[in-house]
Each structure stands twice: as C-alpha cells, then as structure tokens.
C-alpha cells in the first residue's frame, strides 16, 4: 500500500495522520514476515526515539480495526501482525 492510500484510509476512517502512526504503518505494511509489537517498536524508535511502546500497540490496534492488518495470536501469548488481510 502506498503512503497516499494509507493517509486516505486513516482520514476516511476518522483518524489523524501523525508521523508516529505513519512510521509504524510503513514498517508493518512493508514487512515480509509477521513481526511482534516489540520488533516494530525497536525499528520505529530508531527514527522516533521518544515514541512509546503504548503508541505502537495503539497504532497496531487501530490498523487492525480499520482492516489494514490482522493480528495473529499464538499459544505463547505473543501476537504477531500480518499486513496481508486476505483469508
């Protein structure tokens, strides 16, 4: 998904487009694997060192809610996130 499409989807869903949200979105949507929130946080804080892990979780929840990614729960209680929402 292109950044412009992402911005449009967020705005059409009633959400503000912040640099932090865009950073999380770019990492998860360009990911080839299924990263955890902690892995996403480690990548995103290189560019945004003041971002909190809570912001990452909130953004992941928001993306899940608007259908841009799916949360994959595993038996070890760690969720992974997949940008491919097809069945």
Protein backbone atom coordinates (compact mmCIF):
# COMPACT_ATOMS: atom_id res chain seq x y z
CA UNK A 1 0.00 0.00 0.00
CA UNK A 2 1.27 3.42 -0.92
CA UNK A 3 1.62 6.17 1.70
CA UNK A 4 -1.06 8.28 -0.01
CA UNK A 5 -3.54 5.38 0.14
CA UNK A 6 -2.70 4.85 3.79
CA UNK A 7 -3.23 8.52 4.61
CA UNK A 8 -6.56 8.49 2.78
CA UNK A 9 -7.70 5.32 4.59
CA UNK A 10 -6.78 6.78 8.00
CA UNK A 11 -8.51 10.09 7.31
CA UNK A 12 -11.61 8.44 5.84
CA UNK A 13 -11.82 6.32 8.99
CA UNK A 14 -11.72 9.48 11.13
CA UNK A 15 -8.14 9.22 12.42
CA UNK A 16 -5.39 11.82 12.44
CA UNK A 17 -2.28 11.12 10.42
CA UNK A 18 0.73 11.60 12.69
CA UNK A 19 4.40 10.96 11.93
CA UNK A 20 4.41 8.21 14.57
CA UNK A 21 1.43 6.44 13.02
CA UNK A 22 2.97 6.69 9.59
CA UNK A 23 6.25 5.25 10.86
CA UNK A 24 4.51 2.22 12.40
CA UNK A 25 2.38 1.80 9.29
CA UNK A 26 5.34 1.90 6.94
CA UNK A 27 7.20 -0.72 8.96
CA UNK A 28 4.32 -3.17 9.30
CA UNK A 29 2.95 -2.73 5.78
CA UNK A 30 6.37 -3.23 4.18
CA UNK A 31 7.19 -6.23 6.36
CA UNK A 32 7.70 -9.60 4.70
CA UNK A 33 7.32 -11.53 7.95
CA UNK A 34 4.95 -11.31 10.90
CA UNK A 35 6.64 -9.01 13.43
CA UNK A 36 5.66 -8.62 17.06
CA UNK A 37 4.85 -5.23 18.57
CA UNK A 38 8.25 -5.26 20.29
CA UNK A 39 10.05 -5.84 16.99
CA UNK A 40 8.13 -3.00 15.38
CA UNK A 41 8.91 -0.77 18.36
CA UNK A 42 12.64 -1.48 18.09
CA UNK A 43 12.63 -0.46 14.43
CA UNK A 44 10.44 2.60 14.86
CA UNK A 45 12.29 4.07 17.82
CA UNK A 46 15.43 4.44 15.70
CA UNK A 47 13.61 7.15 13.75
CA UNK A 48 11.34 8.33 16.59
CA UNK A 49 13.30 7.82 19.84
CA UNK A 50 10.61 9.40 22.02
CA UNK A 51 7.84 7.08 20.82
CA UNK A 52 6.42 4.75 23.44
CA UNK A 53 5.57 1.08 23.12
CA UNK A 54 1.98 2.04 24.01
CA UNK A 55 1.80 4.18 20.85
CA UNK A 56 2.92 1.19 18.79
CA UNK A 57 0.23 -1.01 20.36
CA UNK A 58 -2.44 1.65 19.85
CA UNK A 59 -1.47 2.10 16.22
CA UNK A 60 -1.47 -1.65 15.60
CA UNK A 61 -4.92 -1.91 17.17
CA UNK A 62 -6.16 0.97 15.01
CA UNK A 63 -4.77 -0.62 11.82
CA UNK A 64 -6.44 -3.89 12.76
CA UNK A 65 -9.71 -2.10 13.42
CA UNK A 66 -9.78 -0.42 10.00
CA UNK A 67 -8.78 -3.59 8.18
CA UNK A 68 -5.20 -2.81 7.17
CA UNK A 69 -3.67 -5.70 9.06
CA UNK A 70 -4.63 -8.73 11.08
CA UNK A 71 -3.44 -9.75 14.50
CA UNK A 72 -2.24 -13.33 14.73
CA UNK A 73 -2.44 -14.77 18.23
CA UNK A 74 -0.20 -17.66 19.18
CA UNK A 75 -0.26 -20.03 22.14
CA UNK A 76 2.71 -18.30 23.79
CA UNK A 77 0.54 -15.16 24.26
CA UNK A 78 2.59 -13.14 21.78
CA UNK A 79 0.71 -11.53 18.93
CA UNK A 80 2.23 -11.07 15.52
CA UNK A 81 0.91 -8.74 12.87
CA UNK A 82 0.27 -9.53 9.22
CA UNK A 83 -0.38 -6.84 6.60
CA UNK A 84 -1.96 -9.45 4.32
CA UNK A 85 -5.61 -9.42 5.33
CA UNK A 86 -6.79 -11.92 2.73
CA UNK A 87 -8.12 -15.25 4.02
